[in-house]
Protein backbone atom coordinates (compact mmCIF):
# COMPACT_ATOMS: atom_id res chain seq x y z
CA MET A 1 92.62 168.02 137.03
CA LYS A 2 96.12 169.51 136.80
CA ASN A 3 97.63 166.05 136.54
CA ARG A 4 95.19 165.13 133.76
CA LEU A 5 96.02 168.33 131.86
CA LEU A 6 99.72 167.66 132.29
CA ALA A 7 99.28 164.11 131.00
CA LEU A 8 97.37 165.39 127.98
CA CYS A 9 100.01 168.03 127.31
CA LEU A 10 102.82 165.48 127.50
CA GLY A 11 100.86 163.06 125.34
CA LEU A 12 100.21 165.64 122.66
CA MET A 13 103.69 167.11 122.75
CA CYS A 14 105.39 163.75 122.42
CA TYR A 15 104.35 163.75 118.79
CA SER A 16 106.28 166.92 118.02
CA MET A 17 109.34 166.64 120.27
CA GLY A 18 112.43 166.19 118.13
CA PHE A 19 110.68 167.18 114.91
CA ALA A 20 110.75 170.47 113.02
CA LEU A 21 107.55 172.00 111.72
CA ASP A 22 106.71 170.06 108.58
CA ALA A 23 104.32 171.31 105.91
CA SER A 24 103.42 171.00 102.25
CA VAL A 25 103.29 174.28 100.32
CA GLU A 26 101.94 173.94 96.76
CA TYR A 27 100.51 176.55 94.42
CA SER A 28 98.58 176.85 91.15
CA ARG A 29 98.09 179.85 88.85
CA PHE A 30 94.67 180.68 87.42
CA LYS A 31 93.00 183.52 85.52
CA SER A 32 90.04 185.65 86.52
CA PRO A 33 88.29 188.05 84.09
CA ASP A 34 90.47 190.92 85.36
CA MET A 35 93.86 189.38 86.03
CA GLY A 36 95.68 186.25 87.03
CA TYR A 37 95.73 184.97 90.60
CA ILE A 38 97.64 182.39 92.57
CA GLU A 39 96.20 179.76 94.90
CA ILE A 40 98.44 178.60 97.75
CA TYR A 41 97.68 175.27 99.41
CA LEU A 42 99.03 174.81 102.93
CA HIS A 43 98.99 171.40 104.61
CA ILE A 44 100.55 171.18 108.08
CA LEU A 45 101.47 167.84 109.65
CA GLY A 46 99.84 167.79 113.07
CA GLU A 47 102.62 165.72 114.62
CA SER A 48 105.18 168.44 113.81
CA VAL A 49 103.58 171.22 115.92
CA GLU A 50 102.79 171.52 119.61
CA TYR A 51 99.22 171.18 120.85
CA VAL A 52 98.03 173.36 123.72
CA PRO A 53 95.50 171.63 126.04
CA ILE A 54 91.94 172.97 125.76
CA ASP A 55 90.45 170.65 128.39
CA SER A 56 91.32 167.34 130.02
CA THR A 57 91.12 165.38 126.76
CA HIS A 58 91.56 167.83 123.87
CA GLY A 59 94.16 170.21 122.54
CA GLN A 60 94.74 172.59 119.66
CA ALA A 61 97.73 173.80 117.65
CA MET A 62 98.09 177.28 116.14
CA VAL A 63 100.48 178.44 113.45
CA ASP A 64 101.38 182.02 112.48
CA ILE A 65 101.77 182.41 108.72
CA ALA A 66 103.43 185.17 106.72
CA ILE A 67 103.05 185.23 102.91
CA ILE A 68 105.30 187.66 101.01
CA PHE A 69 105.63 188.50 97.30
CA ARG A 70 108.62 190.55 96.13
CA GLN A 71 109.59 192.11 92.82
CA ASN A 72 113.12 193.46 92.37
CA GLY A 73 113.66 193.15 96.10
CA GLU A 74 110.57 195.24 96.95
CA ILE A 75 107.59 193.77 98.82
CA VAL A 76 104.53 194.15 96.57
CA LYS A 77 102.11 191.96 98.53
CA PHE A 78 102.12 190.85 102.16
CA ASP A 79 99.67 188.84 104.22
CA ARG A 80 99.76 187.62 107.80
CA LEU A 81 97.31 185.14 109.30
CA GLU A 82 96.85 182.64 112.09
CA LEU A 83 95.81 179.09 111.27
CA SER A 84 94.33 176.84 113.98
CA SER A 85 94.06 173.09 113.88
CA PRO A 86 90.78 171.37 114.76
CA VAL A 87 90.35 170.69 118.47
CA ALA A 88 91.32 167.04 118.88
CA SER A 89 92.44 164.41 121.37
CA ALA A 90 95.54 163.63 119.29
CA PRO A 91 97.47 165.58 116.65
CA ILE A 92 95.87 165.61 113.22
CA ASP A 93 96.88 167.31 109.97
CA PHE A 94 95.17 170.56 108.97
CA GLN A 95 95.13 172.70 105.85
CA ASP A 96 94.23 176.07 104.36
CA LEU A 97 93.92 177.70 100.95
CA ARG A 98 94.70 181.33 100.10
CA ARG A 99 94.16 183.29 96.85
CA TYR A 100 96.04 186.42 95.76
CA PRO A 101 95.56 188.44 92.54
CA LEU A 102 98.84 189.19 90.78
CA LYS A 103 99.66 191.14 87.63
CA ASP A 104 101.76 189.44 84.99
CA GLY A 105 105.42 189.42 85.91
CA ASN A 106 108.02 187.55 87.93
CA TYR A 107 107.81 187.33 91.72
CA GLU A 108 109.84 185.91 94.59
CA MET A 109 107.39 184.19 96.92
CA GLU A 110 108.30 183.48 100.54
CA ILE A 111 106.03 181.68 103.01
CA ILE A 112 106.99 181.48 106.68
CA LEU A 113 105.18 179.17 109.14
CA GLU A 114 105.81 179.55 112.86
CA ASP A 115 104.48 177.34 115.66
CA LYS A 116 102.67 179.72 118.00
CA ALA A 117 103.41 177.53 121.04
CA ASN A 118 107.09 177.27 120.09
CA PRO A 119 108.32 180.19 117.93
CA GLU A 120 111.63 178.45 117.31
CA ASN A 121 109.75 175.73 115.46
CA ARG A 122 109.60 177.28 111.98
CA PHE A 123 109.24 176.33 108.33
CA THR A 124 110.19 178.52 105.34
CA HIS A 125 109.32 177.97 101.70
CA LYS A 126 110.71 180.06 98.82
CA ALA A 127 109.85 179.88 95.12
CA THR A 128 110.07 181.96 91.96
CA VAL A 129 106.62 182.52 90.45
CA GLU A 130 106.08 183.62 86.86
CA MET A 131 102.65 185.07 86.12
CA ALA A 132 101.70 185.16 82.42
CA MET A 133 97.95 184.66 82.44
CA ASN A 134 96.80 187.61 80.31
CA ALA A 135 98.57 186.90 77.04
CA PRO A 136 96.38 187.09 73.88
CA ALA A 137 96.84 183.39 73.23
CA LEU A 138 95.51 180.07 74.48
CA VAL A 139 96.47 180.00 78.14
CA GLN A 140 96.40 177.06 80.54
CA SER A 141 96.22 177.17 84.31
CA ASP A 142 98.53 175.01 86.33
CA VAL A 143 97.42 171.40 86.83
CA GLN A 144 96.06 171.16 90.36
CA LEU A 145 96.59 167.63 91.66
CA LEU A 146 93.90 166.46 94.06
CA LYS A 147 93.37 163.77 96.68
CA GLY A 148 89.81 163.73 95.40
CA TYR A 149 86.75 165.86 94.71
CA ARG A 150 83.00 165.82 95.29
CA GLN A 151 79.99 167.92 94.41
CA SER A 152 79.13 170.44 97.10
CA ASP A 153 76.89 173.42 97.70
CA GLU A 154 78.88 174.51 100.76
CA THR A 155 80.68 177.83 101.11
CA SER A 156 84.41 177.27 101.34
CA ALA A 157 87.66 178.39 99.74
CA PHE A 158 88.04 174.79 98.58
CA ILE A 159 84.82 174.99 96.51
CA LYS A 160 85.21 175.78 92.81
CA ASN A 161 82.52 175.43 90.12
CA GLY A 162 80.29 173.48 92.53
CA TYR A 163 82.99 170.98 93.56
CA PHE A 164 84.97 170.58 96.74
CA LEU A 165 88.57 170.17 95.56
CA ASP A 166 90.83 168.47 98.10
CA PRO A 167 94.46 169.47 97.37
CA LEU A 168 97.15 166.78 97.26
CA PRO A 169 99.89 167.47 99.86
CA PHE A 170 103.49 167.00 98.74
CA HIS A 171 102.23 165.88 95.29
CA PHE A 172 102.34 162.35 96.72
CA TYR A 173 99.95 159.46 96.06
CA GLY A 174 100.50 156.89 98.79
CA LYS A 175 100.00 153.15 99.04
CA TYR A 176 96.25 153.36 99.66
CA ALA A 177 95.51 155.74 96.75
CA ASP A 178 93.82 154.20 93.72
CA LYS A 179 92.76 157.37 91.84
CA LEU A 180 94.66 160.39 90.56
CA ALA A 181 92.36 163.43 90.35
CA PHE A 182 93.14 166.84 88.89
CA TYR A 183 91.57 170.21 88.11
CA HIS A 184 92.60 172.35 85.13
CA GLU A 185 91.36 175.45 83.31
CA ILE A 186 91.97 176.59 79.71
CA TYR A 187 91.38 180.21 78.67
CA ASN A 188 90.68 182.11 75.43
CA SER A 189 89.83 179.11 73.23
CA ASP A 190 86.76 181.00 71.92
CA SER A 191 88.87 183.85 70.55
CA VAL A 192 92.09 182.01 69.71
CA VAL A 193 90.89 178.63 68.39
CA GLY A 194 87.28 179.37 67.46
CA GLU A 195 86.38 175.70 66.90
CA ASP A 196 86.40 172.39 68.73
CA TYR A 197 89.86 171.37 69.92
CA MET A 198 91.47 168.53 71.82
CA ILE A 199 93.03 168.36 75.26
CA SER A 200 95.32 165.36 75.75
CA TYR A 201 96.32 164.17 79.19
CA SER A 202 99.04 161.62 79.83
CA ILE A 203 101.03 160.16 82.70
CA GLU A 204 104.72 159.74 82.03
CA ARG A 205 107.12 157.86 84.25
CA ILE A 206 110.34 159.79 84.85
CA ASN A 207 113.25 157.41 84.31
CA GLY A 208 116.04 159.88 84.99
CA GLN A 209 118.48 161.82 82.79
CA GLY A 210 115.58 163.75 81.29
CA LYS A 211 113.94 160.63 79.88
CA SER A 212 110.32 159.61 80.43
CA GLU A 213 107.97 156.85 79.33
CA THR A 214 104.24 157.31 78.67
CA VAL A 215 102.22 154.83 80.73
CA LEU A 216 98.71 156.25 80.31
CA ILE A 217 97.10 158.59 77.81
CA GLY A 218 93.61 159.99 77.20
CA HIS A 219 91.86 162.68 75.19
CA LYS A 220 88.93 165.02 75.68
CA ARG A 221 87.23 167.09 73.00
CA LEU A 222 86.28 170.61 74.06
CA SER A 223 84.12 173.32 72.53
CA PRO A 224 85.59 176.85 72.48
CA LYS A 225 84.69 178.96 75.54
CA PRO A 226 86.25 181.82 77.48
CA VAL A 227 87.04 179.21 80.18
CA ASN A 228 87.10 175.46 79.68
CA VAL A 229 87.22 173.36 82.86
CA VAL A 230 88.75 169.88 82.96
CA LEU A 231 88.04 167.88 86.12
CA LEU A 232 88.99 164.21 85.86
CA GLN A 233 90.23 161.25 87.83
CA LEU A 234 92.42 158.45 86.51
CA ASP A 235 92.87 154.89 87.75
CA ILE A 236 96.40 154.45 89.15
CA THR A 237 96.01 151.02 90.77
CA GLU A 238 98.54 149.55 88.33
CA LEU A 239 100.97 152.46 88.59
CA ALA A 240 104.20 151.19 90.15
CA SER A 241 106.17 153.15 92.74
CA GLY A 242 108.23 155.95 91.20
CA SER A 243 108.34 159.53 89.95
CA TYR A 244 105.85 160.68 87.33
CA LYS A 245 104.48 163.74 85.60
CA LEU A 246 100.95 164.50 84.44
CA VAL A 247 101.11 166.27 81.08
CA MET A 248 98.28 168.40 79.62
CA GLU A 249 98.48 169.42 75.96
CA ALA A 250 96.00 171.47 73.93
CA ARG A 251 95.96 170.84 70.15
CA ASN A 252 93.83 172.12 67.29
CA ARG A 253 92.13 169.88 64.73
CA HIS A 254 95.38 169.78 62.72
CA GLN A 255 97.13 168.28 65.78
CA GLU A 256 99.25 171.41 66.17
CA LEU A 257 100.37 172.02 69.75
CA LEU A 258 98.76 175.18 71.17
CA SER A 259 99.78 175.00 74.81
CA HIS A 260 101.36 172.69 77.36
CA ARG A 261 101.38 172.23 81.16
CA GLU A 262 102.65 169.49 83.43
CA ALA A 263 102.79 168.61 87.12
CA GLU A 264 105.19 166.16 88.74
CA PHE A 265 104.12 163.72 91.43
CA THR A 266 105.41 160.69 93.31
CA ARG A 267 103.62 157.36 93.54
CA ALA A 268 104.15 154.75 96.29
CA ASN A 269 102.57 151.39 95.48
CA PRO A 270 104.50 148.88 97.62
CA PHE A 271 101.82 146.17 97.52
CA LEU A 272 101.57 145.96 93.74
CA ASN A 273 102.71 142.42 92.82
CA ALA A 274 104.44 142.20 96.20
CA SER A 275 105.45 138.87 97.76
CA ASP A 276 104.31 137.89 101.25
CA GLU A 277 107.79 138.74 102.55
CA GLU A 278 107.67 142.21 100.97
CA ILE A 279 104.20 142.84 102.40
CA ALA A 280 105.36 141.78 105.87
CA SER A 281 108.37 144.11 105.69
CA VAL A 282 106.21 147.20 105.10
CA GLY A 283 104.53 147.03 108.49
CA LEU A 284 100.82 146.99 109.34
CA GLU A 285 100.61 149.78 111.91
CA ASP A 286 98.31 151.88 109.71
CA ALA A 287 96.53 148.95 108.04
CA PHE A 288 92.87 148.14 108.66
CA VAL A 289 93.75 144.78 110.26
CA SER A 290 95.46 146.57 113.15
CA LYS A 291 92.00 147.71 114.33
CA LEU A 292 90.40 144.24 114.37
CA THR A 293 89.68 142.68 117.76
CA LYS A 294 90.61 139.10 118.65
CA GLU A 295 87.04 137.98 117.98
CA GLU A 296 86.90 139.82 114.63
CA LEU A 297 90.20 138.27 113.57
CA GLU A 298 88.97 134.76 114.34
CA TYR A 299 85.67 135.32 112.55
CA SER A 300 87.42 136.81 109.52
CA ILE A 301 89.89 133.92 109.30
CA ARG A 302 87.13 131.30 109.46
CA ALA A 303 85.05 133.17 106.87
CA LEU A 304 87.93 132.94 104.36
CA THR A 305 88.07 129.13 104.35
CA PRO A 306 85.82 128.67 101.27
CA LYS A 307 88.01 131.04 99.21
CA VAL A 308 91.40 129.36 99.62
CA ASP A 309 92.99 126.14 98.34
CA PHE A 310 93.70 123.07 100.47
CA GLN A 311 97.17 124.22 101.50
CA ASP A 312 95.99 127.63 102.67
CA GLY A 313 92.99 125.95 104.27
CA GLU A 314 95.39 124.00 106.48
CA LEU A 315 97.22 127.23 107.27
CA LEU A 316 93.96 129.00 108.19
CA ASN A 317 93.10 126.12 110.51
CA GLU A 318 96.47 126.49 112.24
CA LEU A 319 96.08 130.28 112.47
CA TRP A 320 92.67 129.85 114.05
CA LYS A 321 93.90 127.24 116.55
CA ASP A 322 97.05 129.14 117.52
CA GLY A 323 95.12 132.39 117.98
CA GLU A 324 98.24 134.52 117.34
CA PRO A 325 96.86 138.00 116.39
CA ALA A 326 100.02 139.19 114.58
CA ALA A 327 100.06 136.16 112.27
CA GLN A 328 96.31 136.41 111.67
CA ARG A 329 96.57 140.11 110.81
CA LEU A 330 99.45 139.48 108.40
CA TYR A 331 97.58 136.68 106.60
CA LEU A 332 94.36 138.70 106.27
CA PHE A 333 96.19 141.77 105.01
CA SER A 334 98.26 139.74 102.53
CA TYR A 335 95.12 138.08 101.18
CA TYR A 336 93.09 141.25 100.62
CA VAL A 337 95.98 143.42 99.42
CA LYS A 338 96.42 140.99 96.53
CA ILE A 339 92.77 141.50 95.61
CA ASN A 340 92.99 145.29 95.85
CA PRO A 341 96.58 146.57 96.34
CA ASN A 342 95.46 150.14 97.07
CA GLN A 343 92.24 149.56 99.02
CA PRO A 344 92.54 146.22 100.79
CA GLU A 345 90.13 147.41 103.47
CA LEU A 346 87.44 147.91 100.82
CA ALA A 347 87.99 144.36 99.53
CA TYR A 348 87.79 143.08 103.11
CA ASP A 349 84.61 145.01 103.91
CA GLU A 350 82.87 143.82 100.74
CA TYR A 351 83.68 140.18 101.38
CA MET A 352 82.84 140.30 105.08
CA GLU A 353 79.49 141.92 104.32
CA LEU A 354 78.72 138.92 102.13
CA ALA A 355 80.10 136.44 104.69
CA ARG A 356 77.93 137.87 107.46
CA ALA A 357 74.84 137.67 105.23
CA VAL A 358 75.65 134.05 104.34
CA ASP A 359 76.26 133.28 108.01
CA LYS A 360 72.81 134.58 108.89
CA THR A 361 71.01 132.92 105.96
CA PHE A 362 72.46 129.43 106.43
CA TYR A 363 72.87 129.35 110.21
CA SER A 364 71.78 125.99 111.60
CA GLY A 365 73.18 125.90 115.12
CA PHE A 366 76.19 123.86 113.97
CA GLY A 367 78.98 126.40 113.67
CA HIS A 368 78.77 129.51 111.50
CA GLY A 369 76.37 129.58 108.56
CA PHE A 370 79.27 129.96 106.12
CA GLU A 371 80.71 126.70 107.50
CA SER A 372 77.61 124.74 106.50
CA ASP A 373 77.71 122.96 103.13
CA ARG A 374 75.35 125.46 101.53
CA GLY A 375 77.08 128.48 103.02
CA TYR A 376 80.50 127.14 102.03
CA THR A 377 79.33 126.54 98.46
CA TYR A 378 77.75 130.01 98.23
CA LEU A 379 80.96 131.76 99.32
CA LYS A 380 83.19 129.55 97.18
CA TYR A 381 81.24 129.76 93.93
CA GLY A 382 78.81 132.63 94.38
CA ALA A 383 75.03 132.72 94.19
CA PRO A 384 73.42 129.95 92.09
CA ASP A 385 71.32 130.92 89.10
CA ASP A 386 68.42 128.79 90.30
CA ILE A 387 67.41 127.01 93.50
CA VAL A 388 64.67 124.39 93.76
CA THR A 389 63.62 123.57 97.31
CA GLU A 390 61.57 120.43 97.98
CA MET A 391 60.19 120.17 101.51
CA ASN A 392 57.15 117.92 100.88
CA ASP A 393 58.42 114.83 99.10
CA PRO A 394 56.71 112.06 101.16
CA VAL A 395 59.49 109.53 100.55
CA ALA A 396 62.58 111.76 100.84
CA PRO A 397 63.97 114.20 103.38
CA PRO A 398 63.94 117.93 102.49
CA TYR A 399 66.41 118.73 99.71
CA GLU A 400 67.58 121.56 97.50
CA VAL A 401 68.95 121.59 93.97
CA TRP A 402 71.30 124.48 93.11
CA VAL A 403 72.00 125.17 89.46
CA TYR A 404 74.85 127.24 87.97
CA TYR A 405 74.40 127.87 84.25
CA ASP A 406 77.98 129.09 83.88
CA PHE A 407 80.65 127.76 86.22
CA PRO A 408 83.96 129.66 85.68
CA ALA A 409 85.72 127.75 88.48
CA THR A 410 85.97 124.66 86.26
CA GLY A 411 84.84 125.96 82.87
CA GLN A 412 81.68 123.83 83.02
CA ASN A 413 78.09 124.69 82.18
CA ASN A 414 74.83 123.66 83.83
CA VAL A 415 76.48 122.52 87.07
CA LYS A 416 74.25 121.18 89.86
CA PHE A 417 74.59 120.72 93.61
CA ILE A 418 72.13 118.58 95.61
CA PHE A 419 71.85 119.24 99.35
CA TYR A 420 69.62 117.17 101.63
CA ASN A 421 68.56 117.29 105.28
CA ALA A 422 68.69 113.67 106.44
CA SER A 423 68.68 114.61 110.14
CA LEU A 424 65.60 116.86 109.76
CA ALA A 425 67.34 119.32 112.12
CA SER A 426 66.67 122.95 111.31
CA GLY A 427 68.85 124.09 108.42
CA ASP A 428 71.08 120.98 108.50
CA PHE A 429 71.46 120.53 104.74
CA ARG A 430 74.46 118.44 103.65
CA LEU A 431 75.98 118.17 100.19
CA LEU A 432 74.89 114.84 98.71
CA HIS A 433 76.07 115.14 95.13
CA SER A 434 77.49 117.61 92.62
CA THR A 435 78.38 117.58 88.94
CA ALA A 436 81.15 120.15 89.53
CA ILE A 437 84.66 118.80 88.93
CA GLY A 438 86.48 118.40 92.24
CA GLU A 439 83.33 118.37 94.37
CA VAL A 440 81.50 115.45 95.99
CA ASN A 441 80.34 113.16 93.19
CA ASN A 442 78.15 110.35 94.44
CA PRO A 443 76.80 107.98 91.72
CA ASN A 444 74.50 106.45 94.33
CA TRP A 445 73.01 109.81 95.36
CA GLU A 446 69.45 108.98 94.29
CA ASN A 447 69.40 105.70 96.18
CA ILE A 448 70.65 107.52 99.30
CA LEU A 449 68.06 110.27 98.94
CA TYR A 450 65.22 107.72 98.58
CA GLN A 451 66.62 105.03 100.84
CA ASP A 452 63.40 105.03 102.90
CA ALA A 453 61.22 104.87 99.81
CA ASN A 454 58.99 101.83 99.23
CA PRO A 455 58.86 100.26 96.69
CA ASN A 456 62.50 100.46 95.53
CA PRO A 457 62.63 102.72 92.46
CA TYR A 458 65.63 100.87 91.00
CA ASN A 459 65.67 98.00 88.50
CA ASP A 460 67.38 94.64 88.87
CA GLN A 461 70.78 96.10 87.95
CA GLY A 462 70.56 98.70 90.71
CA ARG A 463 70.17 101.60 88.25
CA SER A 464 67.41 104.13 88.43
CA ASN A 465 64.56 103.47 86.06
CA GLY A 466 64.58 107.19 85.33
CA SER A 467 60.96 107.80 86.30
CA ASP A 468 59.57 109.60 89.30
CA GLY A 469 57.43 107.54 91.62
CA PHE A 470 54.71 108.92 93.85
CA GLY A 471 56.09 112.15 95.26
CA ARG A 472 59.50 111.58 93.69
CA ASN A 473 60.27 114.90 91.97
CA ILE A 474 64.07 114.82 91.97
CA ARG A 475 64.41 113.65 88.37
CA SER A 476 62.25 116.41 86.97
CA ASN A 477 63.87 118.92 89.32
CA ILE A 478 67.27 118.04 87.84
CA THR A 479 66.45 117.45 84.19
CA ASP A 480 64.48 120.68 83.86
CA TRP A 481 67.85 122.45 83.32
């Protein structure tokens, strides 16, 4: 047991050895009916503190925190607390939120974090805080940037107005973020404005030397209230890597500026319009493909065949034959990150859910169901608008007619695919003919379908006479659309 505890301790501590305590300290100022207050958001990186073993497989980190507010060198507010991480088998990040009422004025704020298992491992944050929340004017809170939010009836410091607000550490939206969320409050509009007014929100890219460029803008009309709440999320999938600021402006109906707040943030979007070489250089250690087993990689590669062109089809075949996991992971990640640069795993999961359903539906015992002609067509072009299945034509094998009213792949309309089961094996439907450009086009398809028919339904020139014989329904099944 001692050896196992020692191994756990060494395993957990290896994450923090050589690193100083690292934390995000952000704050926002708000107003209560009585006075203003400050919210402090603490986010501690689990790998920067030491974990103490709890049992043979789990450990826990603890951090002592001192929060000090000074005015003119005098301490006017002091708080001391101990923050514990969740019990875990490996270091994970943990966070806390604290609120302190403060009268209007200027304060020096100091926050000291100390690793309880290693007091020399410390982090100090200092900032000047100006509180001016009780002025007889339109007042805005700070803009609280969020990782996200959700409705909740829980009891937690992170709950506000019925929503769980997840603070954004370091004001940083990383490569897998696709939404920017924020929370904001506006005070005194009922007494100061007295009528509907407008709040404008915009994202500006900071280009340096005090210059910025607006890349997104929106507006929201508000009715006057003692407190107006703005809780929104914005799509940032097309926001390139760089430094930005979110600007909130309140204006009256004459477009006169009443108040202004802004919050700076950083965006990392390395996969936006990235080449394969750039994607490969980023590294896939934290990507979803790193978790796929050898069998899952092979299945995922084979399921992609209907979605790629001939050249990539050859490459997929080589990837499958070689069985090199690193190359397979890189190809899969590169494919899905181009579909959804910020959530490639979501794009992968959605497609694989469809591929597995197609595999099951069109399975025939000859490879995967998505490798059959029907399964391949379904994944390549999507679900047909209509399917006619004929199993009882006495002079033809079972067949299906698939109809696509609109066919974006080629810009055609009323495209048809005819599959038939000449072998009569379960589910063994092969593509006989299609009107889609680039697909199998067999002018002799009807003769092949009815090759066992007697008498021959064709005239002396070998062309169909256009009429159905006994049990021959294919003409009406096709010309009905």
